[in-house]
Amino acid sequence: MEEVRPRLEAFAAEMLRPLARRDQRAKGELYLRGLMLDGKRKSMQPMAER
């Protein structure tokens, strides 16, 4: 995951730029990262627990 992190952060920054609030952008990046992890449930709470 470490080699992917800079690319993911750049992608997230570009895609989430229109969001007005910084906390929304931060949660959006976490959500994108969670989608890439293993796990069946892809909602925020189970991803945050992983």
PDB file of N, CA and C in Angstrom:
ATOM      1  N   MET A   1       0.824  -1.200   0.000  1.00  0.00           N
ATOM      2  CA  MET A   1       0.000   0.000   0.000  1.00  0.00           C
ATOM      3  C   MET A   1       0.862   1.256   0.000  1.00  0.00           C
ATOM      4  N   GLU A   2       2.036   1.185   0.599  1.00  0.00           N
ATOM      5  CA  GLU A   2       2.890   2.378   0.689  1.00  0.00           C
ATOM      6  C   GLU A   2       3.283   2.924  -0.675  1.00  0.00           C
ATOM      7  N   GLU A   3       3.514   2.053  -1.648  1.00  0.00           N
ATOM      8  CA  GLU A   3       3.896   2.540  -2.974  1.00  0.00           C
ATOM      9  C   GLU A   3       2.717   3.159  -3.705  1.00  0.00           C
ATOM     10  N   VAL A   4       1.516   2.833  -3.259  1.00  0.00           N
ATOM     11  CA  VAL A   4       0.303   3.349  -3.895  1.00  0.00           C
ATOM     12  C   VAL A   4      -0.137   4.667  -3.253  1.00  0.00           C
ATOM     13  N   ARG A   5       0.265   4.895  -2.028  1.00  0.00           N
ATOM     14  CA  ARG A   5      -0.213   6.041  -1.247  1.00  0.00           C
ATOM     15  C   ARG A   5      -0.066   7.386  -1.952  1.00  0.00           C
ATOM     16  N   PRO A   6       1.099   7.751  -2.501  1.00  0.00           N
ATOM     17  CA  PRO A   6       1.205   9.070  -3.154  1.00  0.00           C
ATOM     18  C   PRO A   6       0.238   9.224  -4.333  1.00  0.00           C
ATOM     19  N   ARG A   7       0.067   8.170  -5.101  1.00  0.00           N
ATOM     20  CA  ARG A   7      -0.863   8.239  -6.243  1.00  0.00           C
ATOM     21  C   ARG A   7      -2.302   8.351  -5.770  1.00  0.00           C
ATOM     22  N   LEU A   8      -2.646   7.587  -4.722  1.00  0.00           N
ATOM     23  CA  LEU A   8      -3.995   7.651  -4.174  1.00  0.00           C
ATOM     24  C   LEU A   8      -4.276   9.037  -3.598  1.00  0.00           C
ATOM     25  N   GLU A   9      -3.320   9.597  -2.870  1.00  0.00           N
ATOM     26  CA  GLU A   9      -3.501  10.928  -2.296  1.00  0.00           C
ATOM     27  C   GLU A   9      -3.683  11.980  -3.383  1.00  0.00           C
ATOM     28  N   ALA A  10      -2.923  11.876  -4.451  1.00  0.00           N
ATOM     29  CA  ALA A  10      -3.054  12.828  -5.564  1.00  0.00           C
ATOM     30  C   ALA A  10      -4.411  12.668  -6.247  1.00  0.00           C
ATOM     31  N   PHE A  11      -4.822  11.427  -6.460  1.00  0.00           N
ATOM     32  CA  PHE A  11      -6.122  11.172  -7.082  1.00  0.00           C
ATOM     33  C   PHE A  11      -7.242  11.711  -6.201  1.00  0.00           C
ATOM     34  N   ALA A  12      -7.170  11.416  -4.900  1.00  0.00           N
ATOM     35  CA  ALA A  12      -8.206  11.877  -3.972  1.00  0.00           C
ATOM     36  C   ALA A  12      -8.252  13.397  -3.935  1.00  0.00           C
ATOM     37  N   ALA A  13      -7.107  14.038  -3.907  1.00  0.00           N
ATOM     38  CA  ALA A  13      -7.079  15.501  -3.873  1.00  0.00           C
ATOM     39  C   ALA A  13      -7.762  16.084  -5.097  1.00  0.00           C
ATOM     40  N   GLU A  14      -7.506  15.510  -6.249  1.00  0.00           N
ATOM     41  CA  GLU A  14      -8.117  15.998  -7.489  1.00  0.00           C
ATOM     42  C   GLU A  14      -9.626  15.754  -7.504  1.00  0.00           C
ATOM     43  N   MET A  15     -10.040  14.560  -7.120  1.00  0.00           N
ATOM     44  CA  MET A  15     -11.458  14.208  -7.181  1.00  0.00           C
ATOM     45  C   MET A  15     -12.291  14.905  -6.106  1.00  0.00           C
ATOM     46  N   LEU A  16     -11.674  15.136  -4.955  1.00  0.00           N
ATOM     47  CA  LEU A  16     -12.418  15.704  -3.827  1.00  0.00           C
ATOM     48  C   LEU A  16     -12.259  17.216  -3.712  1.00  0.00           C
ATOM     49  N   ARG A  17     -11.510  17.829  -4.603  1.00  0.00           N
ATOM     50  CA  ARG A  17     -11.267  19.271  -4.573  1.00  0.00           C
ATOM     51  C   ARG A  17     -12.564  20.092  -4.531  1.00  0.00           C
ATOM     52  N   PRO A  18     -13.620  19.701  -5.244  1.00  0.00           N
ATOM     53  CA  PRO A  18     -14.847  20.518  -5.217  1.00  0.00           C
ATOM     54  C   PRO A  18     -15.562  20.548  -3.860  1.00  0.00           C
ATOM     55  N   LEU A  19     -15.258  19.608  -2.970  1.00  0.00           N
ATOM     56  CA  LEU A  19     -15.916  19.621  -1.665  1.00  0.00           C
ATOM     57  C   LEU A  19     -15.435  20.832  -0.872  1.00  0.00           C
ATOM     58  N   ALA A  20     -16.373  21.537  -0.294  1.00  0.00           N
ATOM     59  CA  ALA A  20     -16.053  22.807   0.364  1.00  0.00           C
ATOM     60  C   ALA A  20     -15.307  22.629   1.682  1.00  0.00           C
ATOM     61  N   ARG A  21     -15.649  21.575   2.418  1.00  0.00           N
ATOM     62  CA  ARG A  21     -15.089  21.434   3.754  1.00  0.00           C
ATOM     63  C   ARG A  21     -13.920  20.458   3.784  1.00  0.00           C
ATOM     64  N   ARG A  22     -12.915  20.828   4.558  1.00  0.00           N
ATOM     65  CA  ARG A  22     -11.708  20.018   4.691  1.00  0.00           C
ATOM     66  C   ARG A  22     -12.021  18.651   5.293  1.00  0.00           C
ATOM     67  N   ASP A  23     -12.955  18.594   6.275  1.00  0.00           N
ATOM     68  CA  ASP A  23     -13.281  17.309   6.894  1.00  0.00           C
ATOM     69  C   ASP A  23     -13.950  16.369   5.886  1.00  0.00           C
ATOM     70  N   GLN A  24     -14.717  16.917   4.948  1.00  0.00           N
ATOM     71  CA  GLN A  24     -15.329  16.080   3.910  1.00  0.00           C
ATOM     72  C   GLN A  24     -14.255  15.499   2.997  1.00  0.00           C
ATOM     73  N   ARG A  25     -13.273  16.308   2.662  1.00  0.00           N
ATOM     74  CA  ARG A  25     -12.184  15.811   1.808  1.00  0.00           C
ATOM     75  C   ARG A  25     -11.388  14.727   2.526  1.00  0.00           C
ATOM     76  N   ALA A  26     -11.142  14.920   3.828  1.00  0.00           N
ATOM     77  CA  ALA A  26     -10.383  13.928   4.599  1.00  0.00           C
ATOM     78  C   ALA A  26     -11.150  12.610   4.677  1.00  0.00           C
ATOM     79  N   LYS A  27     -12.428  12.682   4.961  1.00  0.00           N
ATOM     80  CA  LYS A  27     -13.237  11.453   5.029  1.00  0.00           C
ATOM     81  C   LYS A  27     -13.346  10.796   3.653  1.00  0.00           C
ATOM     82  N   GLY A  28     -13.390  11.595   2.615  1.00  0.00           N
ATOM     83  CA  GLY A  28     -13.433  11.053   1.262  1.00  0.00           C
ATOM     84  C   GLY A  28     -12.181  10.263   0.937  1.00  0.00           C
ATOM     85  N   GLU A  29     -11.033  10.783   1.357  1.00  0.00           N
ATOM     86  CA  GLU A  29      -9.785  10.053   1.115  1.00  0.00           C
ATOM     87  C   GLU A  29      -9.772   8.739   1.895  1.00  0.00           C
ATOM     88  N   LEU A  30     -10.225   8.776   3.147  1.00  0.00           N
ATOM     89  CA  LEU A  30     -10.295   7.539   3.935  1.00  0.00           C
ATOM     90  C   LEU A  30     -11.234   6.532   3.287  1.00  0.00           C
ATOM     91  N   TYR A  31     -12.342   7.015   2.750  1.00  0.00           N
ATOM     92  CA  TYR A  31     -13.300   6.129   2.093  1.00  0.00           C
ATOM     93  C   TYR A  31     -12.666   5.469   0.865  1.00  0.00           C
ATOM     94  N   LEU A  32     -11.976   6.264   0.064  1.00  0.00           N
ATOM     95  CA  LEU A  32     -11.304   5.696  -1.112  1.00  0.00           C
ATOM     96  C   LEU A  32     -10.280   4.645  -0.700  1.00  0.00           C
ATOM     97  N   ARG A  33      -9.530   4.936   0.346  1.00  0.00           N
ATOM     98  CA  ARG A  33      -8.532   3.984   0.828  1.00  0.00           C
ATOM     99  C   ARG A  33      -9.217   2.708   1.312  1.00  0.00           C
ATOM    100  N   GLY A  34     -10.343   2.854   2.013  1.00  0.00           N
ATOM    101  CA  GLY A  34     -11.084   1.696   2.506  1.00  0.00           C
ATOM    102  C   GLY A  34     -11.625   0.831   1.388  1.00  0.00           C
ATOM    103  N   LEU A  35     -12.007   1.452   0.285  1.00  0.00           N
ATOM    104  CA  LEU A  35     -12.509   0.679  -0.846  1.00  0.00           C
ATOM    105  C   LEU A  35     -11.438  -0.238  -1.417  1.00  0.00           C
ATOM    106  N   MET A  36     -10.186   0.154  -1.256  1.00  0.00           N
ATOM    107  CA  MET A  36      -9.090  -0.631  -1.803  1.00  0.00           C
ATOM    108  C   MET A  36      -8.671  -1.772  -0.879  1.00  0.00           C
ATOM    109  N   LEU A  37      -9.060  -1.715   0.398  1.00  0.00           N
ATOM    110  CA  LEU A  37      -8.673  -2.749   1.342  1.00  0.00           C
ATOM    111  C   LEU A  37      -9.550  -3.980   1.188  1.00  0.00           C
ATOM    112  N   ASP A  38      -9.087  -5.087   1.755  1.00  0.00           N
ATOM    113  CA  ASP A  38      -9.897  -6.299   1.801  1.00  0.00           C
ATOM    114  C   ASP A  38     -11.075  -6.078   2.736  1.00  0.00           C
ATOM    115  N   GLY A  39     -12.122  -6.794   2.484  1.00  0.00           N
ATOM    116  CA  GLY A  39     -13.296  -6.723   3.344  1.00  0.00           C
ATOM    117  C   GLY A  39     -14.557  -6.738   2.506  1.00  0.00           C
ATOM    118  N   LYS A  40     -15.581  -7.361   3.037  1.00  0.00           N
ATOM    119  CA  LYS A  40     -16.823  -7.494   2.281  1.00  0.00           C
ATOM    120  C   LYS A  40     -17.664  -6.235   2.343  1.00  0.00           C
ATOM    121  N   ARG A  41     -17.762  -5.626   3.521  1.00  0.00           N
ATOM    122  CA  ARG A  41     -18.616  -4.451   3.673  1.00  0.00           C
ATOM    123  C   ARG A  41     -17.819  -3.195   3.342  1.00  0.00           C
ATOM    124  N   LYS A  42     -18.378  -2.371   2.489  1.00  0.00           N
ATOM    125  CA  LYS A  42     -17.671  -1.182   2.029  1.00  0.00           C
ATOM    126  C   LYS A  42     -18.359   0.107   2.481  1.00  0.00           C
ATOM    127  N   SER A  43     -18.954   0.088   3.684  1.00  0.00           N
ATOM    128  CA  SER A  43     -19.512   1.317   4.230  1.00  0.00           C
ATOM    129  C   SER A  43     -18.498   1.907   5.212  1.00  0.00           C
ATOM    130  N   MET A  44     -18.670   3.164   5.595  1.00  0.00           N
ATOM    131  CA  MET A  44     -17.659   3.876   6.372  1.00  0.00           C
ATOM    132  C   MET A  44     -17.323   3.208   7.691  1.00  0.00           C
ATOM    133  N   GLN A  45     -18.310   2.789   8.465  1.00  0.00           N
ATOM    134  CA  GLN A  45     -18.027   2.260   9.792  1.00  0.00           C
ATOM    135  C   GLN A  45     -17.180   0.984   9.750  1.00  0.00           C
ATOM    136  N   PRO A  46     -17.548  -0.034   8.971  1.00  0.00           N
ATOM    137  CA  PRO A  46     -16.684  -1.226   8.928  1.00  0.00           C
ATOM    138  C   PRO A  46     -15.288  -0.913   8.379  1.00  0.00           C
ATOM    139  N   MET A  47     -15.198   0.007   7.426  1.00  0.00           N
ATOM    140  CA  MET A  47     -13.876   0.344   6.883  1.00  0.00           C
ATOM    141  C   MET A  47     -13.043   1.071   7.927  1.00  0.00           C
ATOM    142  N   ALA A  48     -13.668   1.935   8.727  1.00  0.00           N
ATOM    143  CA  ALA A  48     -12.934   2.658   9.761  1.00  0.00           C
ATOM    144  C   ALA A  48     -12.417   1.692  10.827  1.00  0.00           C
ATOM    145  N   GLU A  49     -13.195   0.654  11.109  1.00  0.00           N
ATOM    146  CA  GLU A  49     -12.766  -0.331  12.103  1.00  0.00           C
ATOM    147  C   GLU A  49     -11.567  -1.141  11.615  1.00  0.00           C
ATOM    148  N   ARG A  50     -11.449  -1.330  10.293  1.00  0.00           N
ATOM    149  CA  ARG A  50     -10.288  -2.043   9.753  1.00  0.00           C
ATOM    150  C   ARG A  50      -9.125  -1.113   9.755  1.00  0.00           C
TER     151      ARG A  50
END
